[in-house]
């Protein structure tokens, strides 16, 4: 019971994740999947021209920064794949 309540309070919606990323990268192509069907484990593939010339680490940091501190709080796990447009 307590775990279910925690998940409801802490879970982040797939669309909400997409909206945060889209706000930071309006021209990006974004694909998000709920990996476990539990609203806590997601995968995001972000294709964006702003990644040009940046390392994978820099690209991933850009995506994490777009989530405005939600990672590790409302958003439990997010696997990120980035690609240059």
PDB file of N, CA and C in Angstrom:
ATOM      1  N   UNK A   1       0.825  -1.199   0.000  1.00  0.00           N
ATOM      2  CA  UNK A   1       0.000   0.000   0.000  1.00  0.00           C
ATOM      3  C   UNK A   1       0.869   1.262   0.000  1.00  0.00           C
ATOM      4  N   UNK A   2       1.842   1.305   0.889  1.00  0.00           N
ATOM      5  CA  UNK A   2       2.715   2.479   0.968  1.00  0.00           C
ATOM      6  C   UNK A   2       3.503   2.664  -0.324  1.00  0.00           C
ATOM      7  N   UNK A   3       3.962   1.550  -0.936  1.00  0.00           N
ATOM      8  CA  UNK A   3       4.700   1.645  -2.198  1.00  0.00           C
ATOM      9  C   UNK A   3       3.833   2.216  -3.306  1.00  0.00           C
ATOM     10  N   UNK A   4       2.580   1.799  -3.383  1.00  0.00           N
ATOM     11  CA  UNK A   4       1.670   2.306  -4.411  1.00  0.00           C
ATOM     12  C   UNK A   4       1.436   3.803  -4.235  1.00  0.00           C
ATOM     13  N   UNK A   5       1.284   4.253  -2.993  1.00  0.00           N
ATOM     14  CA  UNK A   5       1.078   5.673  -2.713  1.00  0.00           C
ATOM     15  C   UNK A   5       2.311   6.460  -3.114  1.00  0.00           C
ATOM     16  N   UNK A   6       3.494   5.942  -2.767  1.00  0.00           N
ATOM     17  CA  UNK A   6       4.754   6.575  -3.129  1.00  0.00           C
ATOM     18  C   UNK A   6       4.867   6.713  -4.645  1.00  0.00           C
ATOM     19  N   UNK A   7       4.533   5.639  -5.381  1.00  0.00           N
ATOM     20  CA  UNK A   7       4.615   5.666  -6.839  1.00  0.00           C
ATOM     21  C   UNK A   7       3.677   6.707  -7.432  1.00  0.00           C
ATOM     22  N   UNK A   8       2.486   6.849  -6.863  1.00  0.00           N
ATOM     23  CA  UNK A   8       1.524   7.822  -7.379  1.00  0.00           C
ATOM     24  C   UNK A   8       2.013   9.240  -7.154  1.00  0.00           C
ATOM     25  N   UNK A   9       2.639   9.484  -6.000  1.00  0.00           N
ATOM     26  CA  UNK A   9       3.125  10.829  -5.682  1.00  0.00           C
ATOM     27  C   UNK A   9       4.370  11.151  -6.502  1.00  0.00           C
ATOM     28  N   UNK A  10       5.279  10.189  -6.616  1.00  0.00           N
ATOM     29  CA  UNK A  10       6.581  10.435  -7.213  1.00  0.00           C
ATOM     30  C   UNK A  10       6.640  10.220  -8.723  1.00  0.00           C
ATOM     31  N   UNK A  11       5.766   9.427  -9.274  1.00  0.00           N
ATOM     32  CA  UNK A  11       5.858   9.074 -10.694  1.00  0.00           C
ATOM     33  C   UNK A  11       5.663  10.280 -11.594  1.00  0.00           C
ATOM     34  N   UNK A  12       6.347  10.252 -12.717  1.00  0.00           N
ATOM     35  CA  UNK A  12       6.254  11.307 -13.707  1.00  0.00           C
ATOM     36  C   UNK A  12       5.643  10.730 -14.974  1.00  0.00           C
ATOM     37  N   UNK A  13       4.716  11.423 -15.558  1.00  0.00           N
ATOM     38  CA  UNK A  13       4.015  10.999 -16.755  1.00  0.00           C
ATOM     39  C   UNK A  13       4.915  11.112 -17.987  1.00  0.00           C
ATOM     40  N   UNK A  14       4.767  10.176 -18.907  1.00  0.00           N
ATOM     41  CA  UNK A  14       5.533  10.155 -20.153  1.00  0.00           C
ATOM     42  C   UNK A  14       5.409  11.479 -20.908  1.00  0.00           C
ATOM     43  N   UNK A  15       4.208  12.013 -20.996  1.00  0.00           N
ATOM     44  CA  UNK A  15       3.976  13.277 -21.714  1.00  0.00           C
ATOM     45  C   UNK A  15       4.679  14.437 -21.020  1.00  0.00           C
ATOM     46  N   UNK A  16       4.722  14.392 -19.692  1.00  0.00           N
ATOM     47  CA  UNK A  16       5.385  15.446 -18.930  1.00  0.00           C
ATOM     48  C   UNK A  16       6.888  15.465 -19.235  1.00  0.00           C
ATOM     49  N   UNK A  17       7.487  14.278 -19.314  1.00  0.00           N
ATOM     50  CA  UNK A  17       8.908  14.180 -19.667  1.00  0.00           C
ATOM     51  C   UNK A  17       9.130  14.767 -21.053  1.00  0.00           C
ATOM     52  N   UNK A  18       8.286  14.362 -21.984  1.00  0.00           N
ATOM     53  CA  UNK A  18       8.394  14.865 -23.357  1.00  0.00           C
ATOM     54  C   UNK A  18       8.261  16.389 -23.396  1.00  0.00           C
ATOM     55  N   UNK A  19       7.340  16.939 -22.634  1.00  0.00           N
ATOM     56  CA  UNK A  19       7.127  18.387 -22.615  1.00  0.00           C
ATOM     57  C   UNK A  19       8.345  19.138 -22.094  1.00  0.00           C
ATOM     58  N   UNK A  20       8.984  18.627 -21.038  1.00  0.00           N
ATOM     59  CA  UNK A  20      10.192  19.270 -20.512  1.00  0.00           C
ATOM     60  C   UNK A  20      11.300  19.283 -21.554  1.00  0.00           C
ATOM     61  N   UNK A  21      11.508  18.140 -22.203  1.00  0.00           N
ATOM     62  CA  UNK A  21      12.566  18.055 -23.213  1.00  0.00           C
ATOM     63  C   UNK A  21      12.224  18.939 -24.409  1.00  0.00           C
ATOM     64  N   UNK A  22      10.965  18.919 -24.834  1.00  0.00           N
ATOM     65  CA  UNK A  22      10.528  19.723 -25.987  1.00  0.00           C
ATOM     66  C   UNK A  22      10.670  21.220 -25.710  1.00  0.00           C
ATOM     67  N   UNK A  23      10.438  21.611 -24.454  1.00  0.00           N
ATOM     68  CA  UNK A  23      10.593  23.020 -24.067  1.00  0.00           C
ATOM     69  C   UNK A  23      12.045  23.473 -24.243  1.00  0.00           C
ATOM     70  N   UNK A  24      12.987  22.602 -23.889  1.00  0.00           N
ATOM     71  CA  UNK A  24      14.404  22.932 -24.012  1.00  0.00           C
ATOM     72  C   UNK A  24      14.915  22.812 -25.442  1.00  0.00           C
ATOM     73  N   UNK A  25      14.331  21.876 -26.194  1.00  0.00           N
ATOM     74  CA  UNK A  25      14.771  21.603 -27.566  1.00  0.00           C
ATOM     75  C   UNK A  25      13.553  21.571 -28.494  1.00  0.00           C
ATOM     76  N   UNK A  26      13.004  22.740 -28.846  1.00  0.00           N
ATOM     77  CA  UNK A  26      11.755  22.787 -29.625  1.00  0.00           C
ATOM     78  C   UNK A  26      11.810  22.079 -30.977  1.00  0.00           C
ATOM     79  N   UNK A  27      12.988  22.017 -31.581  1.00  0.00           N
ATOM     80  CA  UNK A  27      13.105  21.408 -32.909  1.00  0.00           C
ATOM     81  C   UNK A  27      13.521  19.939 -32.858  1.00  0.00           C
ATOM     82  N   UNK A  28      13.592  19.372 -31.665  1.00  0.00           N
ATOM     83  CA  UNK A  28      14.050  17.992 -31.502  1.00  0.00           C
ATOM     84  C   UNK A  28      12.952  16.994 -31.844  1.00  0.00           C
ATOM     85  N   UNK A  29      13.412  15.831 -32.258  1.00  0.00           N
ATOM     86  CA  UNK A  29      12.533  14.683 -32.417  1.00  0.00           C
ATOM     87  C   UNK A  29      12.708  13.859 -31.141  1.00  0.00           C
ATOM     88  N   UNK A  30      11.598  13.560 -30.465  1.00  0.00           N
ATOM     89  CA  UNK A  30      11.666  12.897 -29.160  1.00  0.00           C
ATOM     90  C   UNK A  30      10.793  11.649 -29.156  1.00  0.00           C
ATOM     91  N   UNK A  31      11.394  10.538 -28.743  1.00  0.00           N
ATOM     92  CA  UNK A  31      10.656   9.280 -28.576  1.00  0.00           C
ATOM     93  C   UNK A  31      10.865   8.819 -27.141  1.00  0.00           C
ATOM     94  N   UNK A  32       9.774   8.590 -26.422  1.00  0.00           N
ATOM     95  CA  UNK A  32       9.868   8.136 -25.037  1.00  0.00           C
ATOM     96  C   UNK A  32       9.080   6.847 -24.874  1.00  0.00           C
ATOM     97  N   UNK A  33       9.671   5.895 -24.165  1.00  0.00           N
ATOM     98  CA  UNK A  33       9.009   4.615 -23.902  1.00  0.00           C
ATOM     99  C   UNK A  33       9.008   4.349 -22.403  1.00  0.00           C
ATOM    100  N   UNK A  34       7.902   3.813 -21.919  1.00  0.00           N
ATOM    101  CA  UNK A  34       7.812   3.336 -20.539  1.00  0.00           C
ATOM    102  C   UNK A  34       8.322   1.905 -20.553  1.00  0.00           C
ATOM    103  N   UNK A  35       9.519   1.686 -20.077  1.00  0.00           N
ATOM    104  CA  UNK A  35      10.195   0.396 -20.216  1.00  0.00           C
ATOM    105  C   UNK A  35       9.569  -0.731 -19.410  1.00  0.00           C
ATOM    106  N   UNK A  36       9.055  -0.421 -18.230  1.00  0.00           N
ATOM    107  CA  UNK A  36       8.533  -1.464 -17.349  1.00  0.00           C
ATOM    108  C   UNK A  36       7.019  -1.396 -17.181  1.00  0.00           C
ATOM    109  N   UNK A  37       6.397  -0.381 -17.765  1.00  0.00           N
ATOM    110  CA  UNK A  37       4.953  -0.216 -17.624  1.00  0.00           C
ATOM    111  C   UNK A  37       4.535   0.252 -16.245  1.00  0.00           C
ATOM    112  N   UNK A  38       5.513   0.774 -15.491  1.00  0.00           N
ATOM    113  CA  UNK A  38       5.218   1.187 -14.127  1.00  0.00           C
ATOM    114  C   UNK A  38       5.240   2.702 -13.920  1.00  0.00           C
ATOM    115  N   UNK A  39       5.484   3.470 -14.982  1.00  0.00           N
ATOM    116  CA  UNK A  39       5.531   4.923 -14.847  1.00  0.00           C
ATOM    117  C   UNK A  39       6.766   5.420 -14.121  1.00  0.00           C
ATOM    118  N   UNK A  40       7.773   4.572 -13.974  1.00  0.00           N
ATOM    119  CA  UNK A  40       8.999   4.952 -13.265  1.00  0.00           C
ATOM    120  C   UNK A  40      10.278   4.705 -14.046  1.00  0.00           C
ATOM    121  N   UNK A  41      10.223   3.885 -15.077  1.00  0.00           N
ATOM    122  CA  UNK A  41      11.425   3.515 -15.829  1.00  0.00           C
ATOM    123  C   UNK A  41      11.204   3.808 -17.310  1.00  0.00           C
ATOM    124  N   UNK A  42      11.881   4.845 -17.783  1.00  0.00           N
ATOM    125  CA  UNK A  42      11.669   5.315 -19.152  1.00  0.00           C
ATOM    126  C   UNK A  42      12.952   5.272 -19.967  1.00  0.00           C
ATOM    127  N   UNK A  43      12.766   5.298 -21.263  1.00  0.00           N
ATOM    128  CA  UNK A  43      13.848   5.457 -22.221  1.00  0.00           C
ATOM    129  C   UNK A  43      13.469   6.634 -23.114  1.00  0.00           C
ATOM    130  N   UNK A  44      14.428   7.522 -23.352  1.00  0.00           N
ATOM    131  CA  UNK A  44      14.186   8.665 -24.237  1.00  0.00           C
ATOM    132  C   UNK A  44      15.253   8.693 -25.324  1.00  0.00           C
ATOM    133  N   UNK A  45      14.797   8.824 -26.561  1.00  0.00           N
ATOM    134  CA  UNK A  45      15.697   9.042 -27.689  1.00  0.00           C
ATOM    135  C   UNK A  45      15.426  10.450 -28.184  1.00  0.00           C
ATOM    136  N   UNK A  46      16.465  11.281 -28.131  1.00  0.00           N
ATOM    137  CA  UNK A  46      16.321  12.691 -28.512  1.00  0.00           C
ATOM    138  C   UNK A  46      17.260  12.962 -29.681  1.00  0.00           C
ATOM    139  N   UNK A  47      16.688  13.395 -30.795  1.00  0.00           N
ATOM    140  CA  UNK A  47      17.457  13.741 -31.983  1.00  0.00           C
ATOM    141  C   UNK A  47      17.350  15.246 -32.170  1.00  0.00           C
ATOM    142  N   UNK A  48      18.512  15.917 -32.149  1.00  0.00           N
ATOM    143  CA  UNK A  48      18.480  17.380 -32.133  1.00  0.00           C
ATOM    144  C   UNK A  48      19.745  17.957 -32.773  1.00  0.00           C
ATOM    145  N   UNK A  49      19.579  19.015 -33.539  1.00  0.00           N
ATOM    146  CA  UNK A  49      20.728  19.672 -34.173  1.00  0.00           C
ATOM    147  C   UNK A  49      21.626  20.366 -33.146  1.00  0.00           C
ATOM    148  N   UNK A  50      21.101  20.692 -31.976  1.00  0.00           N
ATOM    149  CA  UNK A  50      21.899  21.353 -30.933  1.00  0.00           C
ATOM    150  C   UNK A  50      22.972  20.440 -30.351  1.00  0.00           C
ATOM    151  N   UNK A  51      22.920  19.150 -30.655  1.00  0.00           N
ATOM    152  CA  UNK A  51      23.914  18.211 -30.162  1.00  0.00           C
ATOM    153  C   UNK A  51      25.174  18.202 -31.026  1.00  0.00           C
ATOM    154  N   UNK A  52      25.135  18.855 -32.178  1.00  0.00           N
ATOM    155  CA  UNK A  52      26.276  18.862 -33.100  1.00  0.00           C
ATOM    156  C   UNK A  52      27.524  19.390 -32.400  1.00  0.00           C
ATOM    157  N   UNK A  53      28.611  18.630 -32.545  1.00  0.00           N
ATOM    158  CA  UNK A  53      29.893  19.050 -31.989  1.00  0.00           C
ATOM    159  C   UNK A  53      30.043  18.785 -30.494  1.00  0.00           C
ATOM    160  N   UNK A  54      29.042  18.211 -29.867  1.00  0.00           N
ATOM    161  CA  UNK A  54      29.084  17.931 -28.432  1.00  0.00           C
ATOM    162  C   UNK A  54      29.342  16.435 -28.211  1.00  0.00           C
ATOM    163  N   UNK A  55      30.035  16.120 -27.123  1.00  0.00           N
ATOM    164  CA  UNK A  55      30.265  14.717 -26.776  1.00  0.00           C
ATOM    165  C   UNK A  55      28.955  14.108 -26.280  1.00  0.00           C
ATOM    166  N   UNK A  56      28.904  12.776 -26.226  1.00  0.00           N
ATOM    167  CA  UNK A  56      27.707  12.098 -25.716  1.00  0.00           C
ATOM    168  C   UNK A  56      27.416  12.533 -24.283  1.00  0.00           C
ATOM    169  N   UNK A  57      28.448  12.693 -23.481  1.00  0.00           N
ATOM    170  CA  UNK A  57      28.253  13.126 -22.085  1.00  0.00           C
ATOM    171  C   UNK A  57      27.617  14.511 -22.048  1.00  0.00           C
ATOM    172  N   UNK A  58      28.117  15.425 -22.869  1.00  0.00           N
ATOM    173  CA  UNK A  58      27.541  16.774 -22.923  1.00  0.00           C
ATOM    174  C   UNK A  58      26.088  16.731 -23.398  1.00  0.00           C
ATOM    175  N   UNK A  59      25.813  15.891 -24.395  1.00  0.00           N
ATOM    176  CA  UNK A  59      24.448  15.759 -24.913  1.00  0.00           C
ATOM    177  C   UNK A  59      23.509  15.244 -23.823  1.00  0.00           C
ATOM    178  N   UNK A  60      23.942  14.239 -23.086  1.00  0.00           N
ATOM    179  CA  UNK A  60      23.110  13.661 -22.028  1.00  0.00           C
ATOM    180  C   UNK A  60      22.879  14.675 -20.908  1.00  0.00           C
ATOM    181  N   UNK A  61      23.912  15.443 -20.571  1.00  0.00           N
ATOM    182  CA  UNK A  61      23.766  16.491 -19.552  1.00  0.00           C
ATOM    183  C   UNK A  61      22.734  17.530 -19.988  1.00  0.00           C
ATOM    184  N   UNK A  62      22.739  17.840 -21.270  1.00  0.00           N
ATOM    185  CA  UNK A  62      21.770  18.808 -21.796  1.00  0.00           C
ATOM    186  C   UNK A  62      20.342  18.292 -21.586  1.00  0.00           C
ATOM    187  N   UNK A  63      20.148  17.002 -21.853  1.00  0.00           N
ATOM    188  CA  UNK A  63      18.817  16.409 -21.673  1.00  0.00           C
ATOM    189  C   UNK A  63      18.452  16.380 -20.189  1.00  0.00           C
ATOM    190  N   UNK A  64      19.381  15.936 -19.327  1.00  0.00           N
ATOM    191  CA  UNK A  64      19.110  15.919 -17.888  1.00  0.00           C
ATOM    192  C   UNK A  64      18.771  17.324 -17.382  1.00  0.00           C
ATOM    193  N   UNK A  65      19.503  18.319 -17.847  1.00  0.00           N
ATOM    194  CA  UNK A  65      19.238  19.705 -17.432  1.00  0.00           C
ATOM    195  C   UNK A  65      17.850  20.170 -17.858  1.00  0.00           C
ATOM    196  N   UNK A  66      17.360  19.667 -18.988  1.00  0.00           N
ATOM    197  CA  UNK A  66      16.031  20.063 -19.464  1.00  0.00           C
ATOM    198  C   UNK A  66      14.932  19.576 -18.524  1.00  0.00           C
ATOM    199  N   UNK A  67      15.241  18.577 -17.694  1.00  0.00           N
ATOM    200  CA  UNK A  67      14.249  18.010 -16.778  1.00  0.00           C
ATOM    201  C   UNK A  67      14.127  18.797 -15.477  1.00  0.00           C
ATOM    202  N   UNK A  68      14.930  19.834 -15.336  1.00  0.00           N
ATOM    203  CA  UNK A  68      14.815  20.810 -14.234  1.00  0.00           C
ATOM    204  C   UNK A  68      14.756  20.167 -12.851  1.00  0.00           C
ATOM    205  N   UNK A  69      15.691  19.263 -12.591  1.00  0.00           N
ATOM    206  CA  UNK A  69      15.793  18.665 -11.263  1.00  0.00           C
ATOM    207  C   UNK A  69      14.809  17.548 -10.971  1.00  0.00           C
ATOM    208  N   UNK A  70      14.021  17.141 -11.945  1.00  0.00           N
ATOM    209  CA  UNK A  70      13.040  16.066 -11.731  1.00  0.00           C
ATOM    210  C   UNK A  70      13.701  14.694 -11.664  1.00  0.00           C
ATOM    211  N   UNK A  71      14.883  14.542 -12.304  1.00  0.00           N
ATOM    212  CA  UNK A  71      15.582  13.258 -12.313  1.00  0.00           C
ATOM    213  C   UNK A  71      16.002  12.898 -10.899  1.00  0.00           C
ATOM    214  N   UNK A  72      15.641  11.686 -10.483  1.00  0.00           N
ATOM    215  CA  UNK A  72      15.965  11.229  -9.139  1.00  0.00           C
ATOM    216  C   UNK A  72      14.897  11.585  -8.123  1.00  0.00           C
ATOM    217  N   UNK A  73      13.979  12.429  -8.513  1.00  0.00           N
ATOM    218  CA  UNK A  73      12.855  12.797  -7.648  1.00  0.00           C
ATOM    219  C   UNK A  73      11.581  12.203  -8.235  1.00  0.00           C
ATOM    220  N   UNK A  74      10.834  13.006  -8.981  1.00  0.00           N
ATOM    221  CA  UNK A  74       9.626  12.502  -9.630  1.00  0.00           C
ATOM    222  C   UNK A  74       9.937  11.468 -10.702  1.00  0.00           C
ATOM    223  N   UNK A  75      11.088  11.620 -11.327  1.00  0.00           N
ATOM    224  CA  UNK A  75      11.512  10.703 -12.387  1.00  0.00           C
ATOM    225  C   UNK A  75      12.578   9.772 -11.836  1.00  0.00           C
ATOM    226  N   UNK A  76      12.232   8.499 -11.717  1.00  0.00           N
ATOM    227  CA  UNK A  76      13.119   7.528 -11.066  1.00  0.00           C
ATOM    228  C   UNK A  76      14.272   7.082 -11.971  1.00  0.00           C
ATOM    229  N   UNK A  77      13.977   6.689 -13.199  1.00  0.00           N
ATOM    230  CA  UNK A  77      15.015   6.164 -14.081  1.00  0.00           C
ATOM    231  C   UNK A  77      14.732   6.553 -15.531  1.00  0.00           C
ATOM    232  N   UNK A  78      15.758   7.089 -16.193  1.00  0.00           N
ATOM    233  CA  UNK A  78      15.625   7.477 -17.590  1.00  0.00           C
ATOM    234  C   UNK A  78      16.892   7.096 -18.343  1.00  0.00           C
ATOM    235  N   UNK A  79      16.761   6.167 -19.276  1.00  0.00           N
ATOM    236  CA  UNK A  79      17.868   5.808 -20.167  1.00  0.00           C
ATOM    237  C   UNK A  79      17.815   6.775 -21.335  1.00  0.00           C
ATOM    238  N   UNK A  80      18.930   7.413 -21.642  1.00  0.00           N
ATOM    239  CA  UNK A  80      18.944   8.440 -22.687  1.00  0.00           C
ATOM    240  C   UNK A  80      19.798   7.981 -23.870  1.00  0.00           C
ATOM    241  N   UNK A  81      19.253   8.199 -25.063  1.00  0.00           N
ATOM    242  CA  UNK A  81      19.983   8.035 -26.309  1.00  0.00           C
ATOM    243  C   UNK A  81      19.882   9.369 -27.019  1.00  0.00           C
ATOM    244  N   UNK A  82      21.003   9.891 -27.483  1.00  0.00           N
ATOM    245  CA  UNK A  82      20.972  11.166 -28.205  1.00  0.00           C
ATOM    246  C   UNK A  82      21.577  10.970 -29.593  1.00  0.00           C
ATOM    247  N   UNK A  83      21.049  11.739 -30.536  1.00  0.00           N
ATOM    248  CA  UNK A  83      21.522  11.696 -31.914  1.00  0.00           C
ATOM    249  C   UNK A  83      21.528  13.108 -32.456  1.00  0.00           C
ATOM    250  N   UNK A  84      22.480  13.389 -33.343  1.00  0.00           N
ATOM    251  CA  UNK A  84      22.505  14.672 -34.036  1.00  0.00           C
ATOM    252  C   UNK A  84      21.570  14.626 -35.220  1.00  0.00           C
ATOM    253  N   UNK A  85      20.879  15.723 -35.465  1.00  0.00           N
ATOM    254  CA  UNK A  85      19.997  15.820 -36.639  1.00  0.00           C
ATOM    255  C   UNK A  85      20.806  16.099 -37.865  1.00  0.00           C
TER     256      UNK A  85
END
